[in-house]
Protein backbone atom coordinates (compact mmCIF):
# COMPACT_ATOMS: atom_id res chain seq x y z
CA MET A 1 0.00 0.00 0.00
CA ALA A 2 2.78 2.44 0.89
CA THR A 3 4.49 1.69 -2.41
CA THR A 4 1.28 2.43 -4.32
CA TYR A 5 0.84 5.82 -2.58
CA ALA A 6 4.47 6.65 -3.30
CA TRP A 7 3.96 5.96 -7.02
CA LEU A 8 0.76 8.01 -7.11
CA TRP A 9 2.42 11.00 -5.40
CA THR A 10 5.39 10.71 -7.77
CA LEU A 11 3.07 10.64 -10.80
CA LEU A 12 1.10 13.64 -9.47
CA ALA A 13 4.29 15.60 -8.86
CA PHE A 14 5.49 14.81 -12.39
CA VAL A 15 2.19 15.96 -13.95
CA LEU A 16 2.13 19.19 -11.90
CA THR A 17 5.76 19.91 -12.78
CA TRP A 18 5.06 19.36 -16.49
CA ILE A 19 2.01 21.66 -16.37
CA VAL A 20 3.95 24.44 -14.63
CA PHE A 21 6.85 24.07 -17.08
CA HIS A 22 4.49 24.12 -20.10
CA VAL A 23 2.64 27.22 -18.84
CA LEU A 24 5.90 29.07 -18.17
CA LYS A 25 7.27 28.11 -21.58
CA THR A 26 4.09 29.30 -23.32
CA LYS A 27 4.17 32.61 -21.44
CA LYS A 28 7.82 33.08 -22.27
CA ALA A 29 7.21 32.43 -25.96
CA ALA A 30 4.27 34.84 -25.98
CA THR A 31 6.37 37.48 -24.21
CA GLU A 32 9.25 37.08 -26.66
CA GLU A 33 6.81 37.28 -29.56
CA ALA A 34 5.23 40.45 -28.18
CA GLU A 35 8.65 41.98 -27.51
CA THR A 36 9.74 41.18 -31.06
CA GLU A 37 6.63 42.83 -32.50
CA ALA A 38 7.02 45.84 -30.22
CA GLU A 39 10.67 46.18 -31.20
CA GLU A 40 9.86 46.09 -34.92
CA ARG A 41 7.07 48.65 -34.46
CA ARG A 42 9.32 50.96 -32.48
CA ASP A 43 12.51 50.80 -34.54
CA GLY A 44 11.49 49.79 -38.04
CA ALA A 45 10.65 52.57 -40.48
CA THR A 46 10.11 49.95 -43.15
CA ASP A 47 7.77 46.96 -43.13
CA VAL A 48 9.15 45.16 -46.18
CA ILE A 49 12.42 45.32 -48.11
CA ILE A 50 12.12 44.07 -51.70
CA VAL A 51 15.31 43.16 -53.54
CA GLY A 52 14.69 43.69 -57.26
CA ALA A 53 12.18 45.83 -59.13
CA GLY A 54 11.35 43.66 -62.11
CA ILE A 55 7.87 42.33 -62.84
CA ALA A 56 7.63 40.52 -59.50
CA GLY A 57 9.33 43.12 -57.30
CA ALA A 58 7.50 46.17 -58.63
CA SER A 59 4.10 44.40 -58.61
CA LEU A 60 4.61 43.16 -55.06
CA ALA A 61 5.71 46.61 -53.89
CA TYR A 62 2.52 48.17 -55.21
CA ALA A 63 0.28 45.42 -53.80
CA LEU A 64 1.77 45.58 -50.29
CA ALA A 65 1.87 49.38 -50.25
CA LYS A 66 -1.81 49.53 -51.18
CA ASP A 67 -2.42 47.49 -48.01
CA GLY A 68 -0.65 50.18 -45.99
CA ARG A 69 2.81 48.57 -45.75
CA ARG A 70 5.93 50.73 -45.84
CA VAL A 71 8.00 49.25 -48.67
CA HIS A 72 11.66 49.84 -49.57
CA VAL A 73 12.58 48.52 -53.05
CA ILE A 74 16.24 48.22 -53.99
CA GLU A 75 16.94 47.68 -57.70
CA ARG A 76 20.39 47.32 -59.25
CA ASP A 77 19.54 49.32 -62.40
CA LEU A 78 16.46 51.51 -62.77
CA LYS A 79 16.99 52.15 -66.48
CA GLU A 80 14.54 50.48 -68.85
CA PRO A 81 15.52 46.79 -69.16
CA GLN A 82 16.58 45.59 -72.61
CA ARG A 83 15.51 41.97 -72.79
CA PHE A 84 13.31 39.85 -75.01
CA MET A 85 11.96 37.35 -72.50
CA GLY A 86 8.67 38.06 -70.76
CA GLU A 87 6.96 39.63 -73.76
CA LEU A 88 3.67 37.72 -73.64
CA MET A 89 1.15 38.43 -70.91
CA GLN A 90 -1.28 35.53 -71.02
CA ALA A 91 -4.98 36.19 -70.41
CA GLY A 92 -4.59 34.62 -66.97
CA GLY A 93 -1.74 36.98 -66.19
CA ARG A 94 -3.81 39.98 -67.29
CA PHE A 95 -6.48 38.83 -64.86
CA MET A 96 -3.92 38.63 -62.04
CA LEU A 97 -2.85 42.19 -62.88
CA ALA A 98 -6.47 43.26 -62.54
CA GLN A 99 -6.64 41.57 -59.13
CA LEU A 100 -3.63 43.62 -58.06
CA GLY A 101 -4.97 46.88 -59.53
CA LEU A 102 -2.20 46.99 -62.14
CA GLU A 103 -3.92 46.21 -65.43
CA ASP A 104 -3.58 49.84 -66.56
CA CYS A 105 0.19 49.22 -66.75
CA LEU A 106 -0.52 47.41 -70.03
CA GLU A 107 -1.69 50.72 -71.47
CA GLU A 108 0.47 53.42 -73.11
CA ILE A 109 3.20 50.93 -74.06
CA ASP A 110 1.82 50.04 -77.53
CA ALA A 111 1.04 46.49 -76.38
CA GLN A 112 -0.71 44.26 -78.93
CA GLU A 113 -3.63 41.95 -78.31
CA VAL A 114 -2.95 38.23 -78.72
CA LYS A 115 -5.97 36.05 -79.34
CA ALA A 116 -4.63 32.81 -80.79
CA LEU A 117 -1.72 30.42 -81.29
CA ALA A 118 -0.72 29.70 -84.90
CA VAL A 119 1.32 26.52 -85.41
CA TYR A 120 3.32 25.52 -88.49
CA LYS A 121 4.86 22.17 -89.38
CA ASP A 122 6.02 20.59 -92.65
CA GLY A 123 4.11 23.03 -94.86
CA LYS A 124 0.89 22.81 -92.86
CA HIS A 125 -0.51 25.37 -90.47
CA ALA A 126 -3.47 25.97 -88.21
CA THR A 127 -4.64 28.76 -85.91
CA SER A 128 -6.22 27.93 -82.56
CA PRO A 129 -7.92 30.80 -80.71
CA PHE A 130 -7.95 31.12 -76.94
CA PRO A 131 -11.49 29.90 -76.17
CA ASN A 132 -14.15 31.57 -74.09
CA ASP A 133 -14.37 29.80 -70.74
CA LYS A 134 -17.46 30.62 -68.70
CA ARG A 135 -15.45 30.13 -65.53
CA PHE A 136 -12.89 32.75 -66.60
CA PRO A 137 -14.19 36.26 -65.81
CA LEU A 138 -12.29 38.24 -68.50
CA GLU A 139 -12.13 38.19 -72.28
CA PRO A 140 -9.62 35.46 -73.31
CA VAL A 141 -7.11 37.92 -74.75
CA GLY A 142 -3.48 38.38 -73.75
CA ARG A 143 -0.94 41.08 -74.58
CA LEU A 144 2.29 41.06 -76.60
CA LEU A 145 4.62 43.81 -75.42
CA ARG A 146 8.06 45.26 -74.91
CA ASN A 147 9.13 43.85 -71.56
CA GLY A 148 11.21 46.90 -70.59
CA ARG A 149 8.34 49.32 -71.17
CA PHE A 150 6.04 47.19 -69.07
CA VAL A 151 8.56 46.98 -66.23
CA GLN A 152 8.96 50.77 -66.24
CA ARG A 153 5.19 51.26 -66.03
CA LEU A 154 5.03 48.93 -63.03
CA ARG A 155 7.89 50.78 -61.34
CA GLN A 156 6.21 54.14 -61.93
CA LYS A 157 2.93 52.84 -60.52
CA ALA A 158 4.64 51.49 -57.40
CA ALA A 159 6.76 54.64 -56.89
CA SER A 160 3.65 56.83 -57.15
CA LEU A 161 2.61 55.61 -53.69
CA THR A 162 4.01 57.67 -50.84
CA ASN A 163 4.82 54.60 -48.74
CA VAL A 164 7.08 53.10 -51.44
CA GLN A 165 10.77 54.02 -51.56
CA LEU A 166 12.27 52.92 -54.88
CA GLU A 167 16.06 53.18 -54.82
CA GLU A 168 18.86 52.20 -57.16
CA GLY A 169 21.45 50.08 -55.39
CA THR A 170 23.15 46.70 -55.34
CA VAL A 171 22.34 44.37 -52.45
CA LYS A 172 25.51 42.68 -51.24
CA SER A 173 24.22 40.42 -48.46
CA LEU A 174 21.43 39.66 -46.04
CA ILE A 175 21.67 40.60 -42.38
CA GLU A 176 20.92 37.66 -40.09
CA GLU A 177 20.53 37.44 -36.33
CA ASN A 178 19.89 34.08 -34.65
CA GLY A 179 18.79 32.55 -37.95
CA ILE A 180 16.31 35.35 -38.73
CA VAL A 181 16.86 37.72 -41.67
CA LYS A 182 16.62 41.28 -40.36
CA GLY A 183 17.47 43.26 -43.48
CA VAL A 184 20.13 43.81 -46.14
CA THR A 185 23.45 45.47 -46.76
CA TYR A 186 23.59 47.32 -50.08
CA LYS A 187 25.65 49.83 -51.99
CA ASN A 188 23.65 52.81 -53.24
CA SER A 189 24.13 54.70 -56.50
CA ALA A 190 26.65 57.02 -54.81
CA GLY A 191 28.82 54.04 -53.81
CA GLN A 192 27.98 54.22 -50.11
CA GLU A 193 27.47 50.97 -48.23
CA ILE A 194 24.23 51.09 -46.26
CA THR A 195 22.31 48.73 -44.01
CA ALA A 196 18.53 48.63 -44.14
CA PHE A 197 16.27 46.80 -41.71
CA ALA A 198 12.72 45.47 -41.95
CA PRO A 199 10.80 42.60 -40.36
CA LEU A 200 10.34 41.00 -43.81
CA THR A 201 12.71 40.83 -46.78
CA VAL A 202 11.54 39.58 -50.18
CA VAL A 203 14.20 38.44 -52.65
CA CYS A 204 13.05 38.65 -56.26
CA ASP A 205 16.17 39.72 -58.10
CA GLY A 206 15.75 37.41 -61.09
CA CYS A 207 17.32 34.32 -62.56
CA TYR A 208 20.86 35.50 -61.79
CA SER A 209 20.15 36.03 -58.10
CA ASN A 210 23.23 35.99 -55.89
CA LEU A 211 21.17 35.78 -52.69
CA ARG A 212 19.36 32.57 -53.62
CA ARG A 213 22.33 30.37 -52.77
CA SER A 214 22.38 31.60 -49.17
CA LEU A 215 18.66 30.97 -48.72
CA VAL A 216 17.77 27.72 -50.48
CA ASP A 217 19.83 24.52 -50.30
CA ASN A 218 20.36 22.35 -53.39
CA ASN A 219 18.34 24.62 -55.65
CA THR A 220 20.44 24.48 -58.79
CA GLU A 221 19.39 25.90 -62.12
CA GLU A 222 19.61 23.78 -65.27
CA VAL A 223 20.44 25.44 -68.60
CA LEU A 224 18.25 23.78 -71.24
CA SER A 225 19.08 25.72 -74.41
CA TYR A 226 19.58 29.27 -75.67
CA MET A 227 17.24 31.70 -77.37
CA VAL A 228 18.43 34.25 -79.91
CA GLY A 229 16.09 37.17 -80.47
CA TYR A 230 15.95 40.34 -82.53
CA VAL A 231 13.39 42.89 -83.70
CA THR A 232 12.23 43.59 -87.25
CA LYS A 233 11.29 47.27 -87.30
CA ASN A 234 8.67 49.01 -89.45
CA SER A 235 6.87 45.72 -90.00
CA ARG A 236 3.42 44.35 -89.32
CA LEU A 237 2.41 40.71 -89.73
CA GLU A 238 -0.68 39.78 -91.69
CA ASP A 239 -1.96 38.16 -88.48
CA PRO A 240 -0.59 40.37 -85.69
CA HIS A 241 -2.93 38.95 -83.05
CA SER A 242 -1.45 35.42 -83.05
CA LEU A 243 1.70 34.00 -81.54
CA HIS A 244 3.33 32.19 -84.49
CA MET A 245 5.11 28.98 -83.47
CA ILE A 246 7.12 27.16 -86.15
CA PHE A 247 8.03 23.51 -85.54
CA SER A 248 11.47 24.00 -87.12
CA LYS A 249 14.59 21.85 -86.76
CA PRO A 250 16.41 21.32 -84.51
CA MET A 251 14.31 23.58 -82.29
CA LEU A 252 11.38 25.99 -82.43
CA CYS A 253 11.12 29.48 -83.89
CA VAL A 254 8.58 31.99 -82.61
CA ILE A 255 7.46 35.21 -84.32
CA TYR A 256 5.07 37.77 -82.86
CA GLN A 257 4.07 41.44 -82.99
CA ILE A 258 5.36 43.32 -79.92
CA THR A 259 4.35 46.86 -80.93
CA SER A 260 2.24 48.30 -83.74
CA ASP A 261 5.27 48.37 -86.08
CA GLU A 262 7.81 45.95 -84.53
CA VAL A 263 7.98 42.17 -84.82
CA ARG A 264 9.99 39.95 -82.50
CA CYS A 265 11.76 36.94 -84.05
CA VAL A 266 13.12 34.25 -81.71
CA ALA A 267 14.93 31.00 -82.51
CA GLU A 268 15.90 28.32 -80.01
CA ILE A 269 19.41 26.88 -80.28
CA PRO A 270 20.93 23.80 -78.58
CA ALA A 271 23.06 24.72 -75.57
CA ASP A 272 26.17 23.01 -76.97
CA SER A 273 26.26 24.81 -80.35
CA ILE A 274 25.73 28.56 -80.11
CA PRO A 275 27.01 30.53 -83.14
CA SER A 276 28.78 33.81 -82.40
CA ILE A 277 26.87 37.03 -82.97
CA ALA A 278 30.03 39.15 -83.05
CA ASN A 279 31.73 37.43 -86.01
CA GLY A 280 28.56 36.96 -88.06
CA ASP A 281 28.14 33.22 -87.55
CA MET A 282 24.73 33.74 -85.94
CA SER A 283 23.41 35.73 -88.90
CA THR A 284 24.66 33.04 -91.29
CA TYR A 285 23.05 30.30 -89.21
CA LEU A 286 19.71 32.11 -89.11
CA LYS A 287 19.74 32.82 -92.86
CA LYS A 288 20.90 29.43 -94.10
CA THR A 289 19.51 27.01 -91.49
CA MET A 290 16.45 28.62 -89.94
CA ALA A 291 15.04 30.98 -92.59
CA PRO A 292 14.30 28.23 -95.18
CA GLN A 293 12.11 26.55 -92.55
CA ILE A 294 10.07 29.68 -91.84
CA PRO A 295 6.83 29.57 -93.87
CA GLU A 296 6.21 32.31 -96.42
CA HIS A 297 2.61 32.42 -95.21
CA GLY A 298 1.63 35.71 -93.55
CA LYS A 299 4.94 37.49 -94.40
CA LEU A 300 6.70 35.37 -91.76
CA ARG A 301 9.82 34.49 -93.77
CA GLU A 302 10.09 37.98 -95.23
CA THR A 303 9.91 39.50 -91.76
CA PHE A 304 12.38 36.96 -90.35
CA LEU A 305 15.01 37.69 -93.01
CA LYS A 306 14.50 41.46 -92.97
CA GLY A 307 15.19 41.62 -89.26
CA ILE A 308 18.46 39.63 -89.35
CA GLU A 309 20.34 42.53 -90.92
CA GLU A 310 18.36 45.32 -89.26
CA GLY A 311 18.33 43.72 -85.83
CA LEU A 312 22.05 43.04 -85.41
CA LEU A 313 22.47 45.78 -82.83
CA GLU A 314 19.59 44.41 -80.76
CA MET A 315 20.31 40.73 -81.39
CA LYS A 316 20.80 38.95 -78.07
CA THR A 317 21.07 35.43 -76.74
CA THR A 318 19.72 34.31 -73.40
CA ALA A 319 19.73 30.97 -71.65
CA THR A 320 16.52 29.05 -71.05
CA LYS A 321 16.60 27.64 -67.54
CA ARG A 322 14.69 25.29 -65.33
CA MET A 323 14.72 25.46 -61.53
CA SER A 324 12.28 23.76 -59.19
CA SER A 325 10.70 25.77 -56.40
CA LYS A 326 12.28 24.91 -53.05
CA MET A 327 11.07 26.12 -49.69
CA CYS A 328 13.24 28.64 -47.87
CA ASP A 329 13.41 27.62 -44.21
CA LYS A 330 14.84 30.88 -42.90
CA ARG A 331 12.53 33.28 -41.13
CA GLY A 332 12.08 36.89 -42.08
CA VAL A 333 12.65 36.28 -45.79
CA ILE A 334 10.72 35.08 -48.84
CA VAL A 335 12.03 34.26 -52.33
CA LEU A 336 9.84 35.04 -55.38
CA GLY A 337 9.93 35.26 -59.18
CA ASP A 338 12.74 33.75 -61.25
CA ALA A 339 14.96 33.71 -58.17
CA PHE A 340 12.50 31.14 -56.79
CA ASN A 341 11.09 29.11 -59.68
CA MET A 342 11.96 28.93 -63.38
CA ARG A 343 10.67 26.92 -66.30
CA HIS A 344 11.31 26.78 -70.06
CA PRO A 345 9.76 29.88 -71.71
CA ILE A 346 8.08 27.89 -74.50
CA ILE A 347 4.58 28.56 -73.14
CA ALA A 348 5.41 32.14 -72.07
CA SER A 349 3.91 31.90 -68.60
CA GLY A 350 6.65 33.06 -66.26
CA MET A 351 4.94 36.40 -65.58
CA LEU A 352 1.67 34.56 -65.03
CA VAL A 353 3.15 32.40 -62.25
CA ALA A 354 4.92 35.36 -60.61
CA LEU A 355 1.73 37.45 -60.54
CA SER A 356 -0.26 34.52 -59.20
CA ASP A 357 2.31 34.10 -56.41
CA ILE A 358 2.02 37.79 -55.55
CA CYS A 359 -1.79 37.62 -55.35
CA ILE A 360 -1.51 34.66 -52.97
CA LEU A 361 1.19 36.24 -50.80
CA ARG A 362 -0.66 39.58 -50.63
CA ASN A 363 -3.83 37.85 -49.46
CA LEU A 364 -1.99 35.78 -46.85
CA LEU A 365 -0.15 38.77 -45.37
CA ARG A 366 -3.09 41.17 -45.50
CA PRO A 367 -4.65 40.16 -42.11
CA LEU A 368 -1.35 40.65 -40.23
CA ALA A 369 -1.22 44.07 -38.61
CA ASN A 370 2.52 43.70 -38.10
CA LEU A 371 5.06 41.58 -39.96
CA GLY A 372 7.44 41.46 -36.99
CA ASN A 373 5.93 38.18 -35.81
CA THR A 374 8.29 35.98 -37.79
CA LYS A 375 6.64 32.77 -36.60
CA LYS A 376 3.23 33.78 -37.95
CA VAL A 377 4.76 34.99 -41.20
CA SER A 378 6.71 31.74 -41.51
CA ASP A 379 3.54 29.70 -41.01
CA LEU A 380 1.77 31.75 -43.69
CA VAL A 381 4.65 31.23 -46.10
CA LYS A 382 4.35 27.46 -45.65
CA SER A 383 0.72 27.80 -46.72
CA PHE A 384 1.87 29.85 -49.71
CA TYR A 385 3.95 26.94 -51.03
CA ILE A 386 0.84 24.74 -51.03
CA ILE A 387 -1.69 27.25 -52.36
CA ARG A 388 0.48 28.21 -55.37
CA LYS A 389 0.74 24.64 -56.67
CA PRO A 390 -2.30 24.49 -58.99
CA MET A 391 -0.93 27.34 -61.09
CA SER A 392 2.80 26.70 -60.76
CA ALA A 393 2.62 22.91 -61.17
CA THR A 394 0.42 23.22 -64.27
CA VAL A 395 2.75 25.73 -65.93
CA ASN A 396 6.01 24.03 -64.89
CA THR A 397 4.87 20.61 -66.10
CA LEU A 398 3.50 21.77 -69.44
CA ALA A 399 6.55 23.95 -70.18
CA SER A 400 8.99 21.14 -69.39
CA ILE A 401 7.19 18.47 -71.40
CA PHE A 402 6.64 20.71 -74.44
CA SER A 403 10.27 21.84 -74.38
CA GLN A 404 11.37 18.20 -74.66
CA ALA A 405 8.65 16.89 -76.96
CA LEU A 406 9.01 19.62 -79.61
CA VAL A 407 12.75 19.16 -80.22
CA ALA A 408 13.38 17.60 -83.64
CA THR A 409 15.31 14.34 -83.58
CA THR A 410 16.03 11.24 -85.65
CA ASP A 411 14.39 9.10 -82.96
CA GLU A 412 11.19 7.75 -84.52
CA ALA A 413 9.30 7.58 -81.23
CA ARG A 414 10.13 11.15 -80.27
CA GLU A 415 9.24 12.41 -83.72
CA GLY A 416 5.90 10.70 -83.25
CA MET A 417 5.38 12.74 -80.06
CA ARG A 418 6.33 15.93 -81.91
CA GLN A 419 3.76 15.20 -84.61
CA GLY A 420 1.18 14.31 -81.96
CA CYS A 421 1.67 17.69 -80.25
CA TYR A 422 1.14 19.52 -83.55
CA THR A 423 -2.00 17.51 -84.31
CA TYR A 424 -3.43 18.04 -80.84
CA LEU A 425 -2.90 21.81 -81.03
CA SER A 426 -4.22 22.17 -84.57
CA ARG A 427 -7.22 19.88 -85.07
CA GLY A 428 -9.70 22.24 -83.39
CA ASP A 429 -11.63 19.74 -81.25
CA PHE A 430 -12.29 19.71 -77.50
CA GLY A 431 -8.68 18.64 -76.88
CA THR A 432 -7.33 21.73 -78.64
CA THR A 433 -9.82 23.95 -76.81
CA GLY A 434 -8.89 22.50 -73.43
CA MET A 435 -5.16 22.83 -74.09
CA MET A 436 -5.53 26.42 -75.26
CA THR A 437 -7.41 27.25 -72.06
CA ILE A 438 -4.48 25.89 -70.05
CA LEU A 439 -1.91 27.67 -72.23
CA GLY A 440 -3.73 30.95 -71.68
CA GLY A 441 -3.53 30.55 -67.90
CA MET A 442 -7.32 30.38 -67.66
CA ASN A 443 -7.54 26.88 -66.18
CA PRO A 444 -4.71 26.18 -63.71
CA HIS A 445 -5.58 22.53 -63.06
CA PRO A 446 -2.76 19.94 -62.92
CA LEU A 447 -5.08 16.93 -63.16
CA THR A 448 -6.79 18.36 -66.26
CA LEU A 449 -3.33 18.87 -67.76
CA VAL A 450 -2.50 15.23 -67.06
CA PHE A 451 -5.62 14.18 -69.00
CA HIS A 452 -4.54 16.31 -71.97
CA LEU A 453 -0.99 14.92 -71.82
CA VAL A 454 -2.48 11.43 -71.96
CA GLY A 455 -4.52 12.58 -74.97
CA ILE A 456 -1.37 13.87 -76.71
CA THR A 457 0.41 10.59 -75.98
CA LEU A 458 -2.45 8.50 -77.43
CA THR A 459 -2.62 10.79 -80.48
CA SER A 460 1.13 10.38 -80.97
CA MET A 461 0.91 6.59 -80.64
CA GLY A 462 -1.86 6.64 -83.23
CA HIS A 463 0.45 8.40 -85.70
CA LEU A 464 3.13 5.78 -85.15
CA LEU A 465 0.71 2.87 -85.57
CA TYR A 466 -0.98 4.28 -88.72
CA PRO A 467 -2.00 2.71 -91.13
CA PHE A 468 -1.57 -0.66 -89.40
CA PRO A 469 0.26 -1.78 -86.24
CA SER A 470 3.31 -3.63 -87.55
CA PRO A 471 5.78 -5.03 -84.98
CA ARG A 472 8.18 -2.15 -85.63
CA ARG A 473 5.46 0.50 -85.23
CA LEU A 474 4.12 -1.21 -82.14
CA TRP A 475 7.62 -1.18 -80.62
CA GLN A 476 8.10 2.52 -81.38
CA SER A 477 4.69 3.37 -79.88
CA LEU A 478 5.62 1.50 -76.70
CA ARG A 479 8.91 3.43 -76.53
CA LEU A 480 6.96 6.66 -76.91
CA LEU A 481 4.61 5.63 -74.10
CA ALA A 482 7.55 4.85 -71.81
CA TRP A 483 9.14 8.22 -72.56
CA ALA A 484 5.88 10.07 -71.92
CA LEU A 485 5.40 8.28 -68.60
CA GLN A 486 8.98 9.08 -67.64
CA MET A 487 8.48 12.81 -68.31
CA LEU A 488 5.17 12.90 -66.47
CA GLY A 489 6.49 10.80 -63.58
CA PHE A 490 9.36 13.23 -63.03
CA HIS A 491 6.92 16.10 -62.48
CA LEU A 492 4.58 14.05 -60.32
CA VAL A 493 7.55 13.54 -57.99
CA ASP A 494 8.98 17.04 -58.36
CA GLU A 495 5.71 18.93 -57.87
CA GLY A 496 4.11 16.38 -55.52
CA PHE A 497 1.58 13.60 -56.19
CA LYS A 498 -1.01 15.19 -53.93
CA GLU A 499 -0.66 18.63 -55.51
CA MET A 500 -0.85 17.21 -59.04
CA LEU A 501 -3.58 14.61 -58.70
CA ILE A 502 -6.08 15.88 -56.09
CA PRO A 503 -8.54 18.26 -57.82
CA THR A 504 -9.75 19.90 -54.59
CA ASN A 505 -6.57 21.99 -54.50
CA ALA A 506 -7.24 23.41 -57.96
CA ALA A 507 -10.90 24.01 -57.13
CA ALA A 508 -9.96 25.98 -54.01
CA TYR A 509 -7.43 28.02 -56.00
CA ARG A 510 -10.04 28.87 -58.65
CA ARG A 511 -12.63 29.94 -56.06
CA THR A 512 -10.18 32.28 -54.35
CA TYR A 513 -7.92 33.60 -57.10
CA MET A 514 -9.79 33.16 -60.38
CA ALA A 515 -13.01 34.83 -59.24
CA LYS A 516 -14.15 38.28 -60.33
CA ALA A 517 -11.51 40.99 -59.82
CA THR A 518 -11.85 42.74 -56.50
CA ALA A 519 -8.87 45.10 -56.44
């Protein structure tokens, strides 16, 4: 009996001790949290530091400032960017701009409406319009534009708010204390080294980000190929409202109207064989190898050749890159834009994903009166990685698979996939309509994309088996199926089986972020 009482008293003492310890620990954590918030309120003149003022940085600055945040944007070069990536704003991206109150930034830059995708292969061509989707609240029309002009409009809109400080400077490093990012060290335009503090730092300084390596482990970028681009001036295509995609060899060419009298010509080149622009090899390559494959239809070849000589001064090459989105575990900092997630530009949806991410992040942060509570912000950021998946996973998967499937090759199975993609995009049935809705960013639904990828695979196998399934054709179709499953399987693992295959995630995203504009 005495032993029993002793055990009971010991157990009671243990329970009481644990309760007291737990209560004290909770109070201490709450006190530290309150002290942190009070400290940030008292000392911080800035709520958010944004590194980079490109599409993502300028848009985020405006969105957060409209919510009353004090925003300090530090951009390495505030002159108009001269680049030829990010020149197509999909209809879905235009809708995201409207959600952020930034759609007027597409005005006064001579942007052109894009209403369709025109595809060309082996002397055949077809034009597939972006379809009307009753679930999409805007007209299914995108914009073709000069990227630099658009960026400048976004910067001007953000800087027009009194609580936005837009400054030219180069960020050298992040300031960390006890594993929490407190701000940045940067060199301003006068060469002075300055430290700036804020409870939240957002890194969106593009694909060449130097800060990414210190924030995300094992997040390496993969160079897939190179794009060479130039402008043909004083020209207008016969169909200026279509993005013209030529299934050329070894890789694609794209031609589109970026202003009322300028046409952009872009050719993709394998990463291991880039002709030199300086010594004229690039011009020779474009004239002799690529130009004969450009169709004469719609003044495409004429425009392509005219711009090679005229566009030498503006001719540039840029790498196409792929980089999976990886969570940043550090508190007090968020990574966005191309510094966070990249995909092949073949479906021109990088701006769409960035703007979608900003809408999500803005909505998550909006209820927080103060961003100094790094634990709460960190918890919200974890939600951000999940909520963004319907859009980002759809775009990343489609861009990666198209970039592989549309490369010309002597492999019979892969050529069958290339032909299947052309057929699926050009035949004008429900498959084409559904794929065009996804391409336009109007239906961010990974599972729906999977169904269409299965449809493309079956169409491609049908081409290989036609007119009758001989043993050789059957073998090639099975090889094609294995390759398609390999490509899809990679993204199911990379993006997450749950995020790709459970439709409730996409439905929740559509209800919240694809509803009628409220900004």
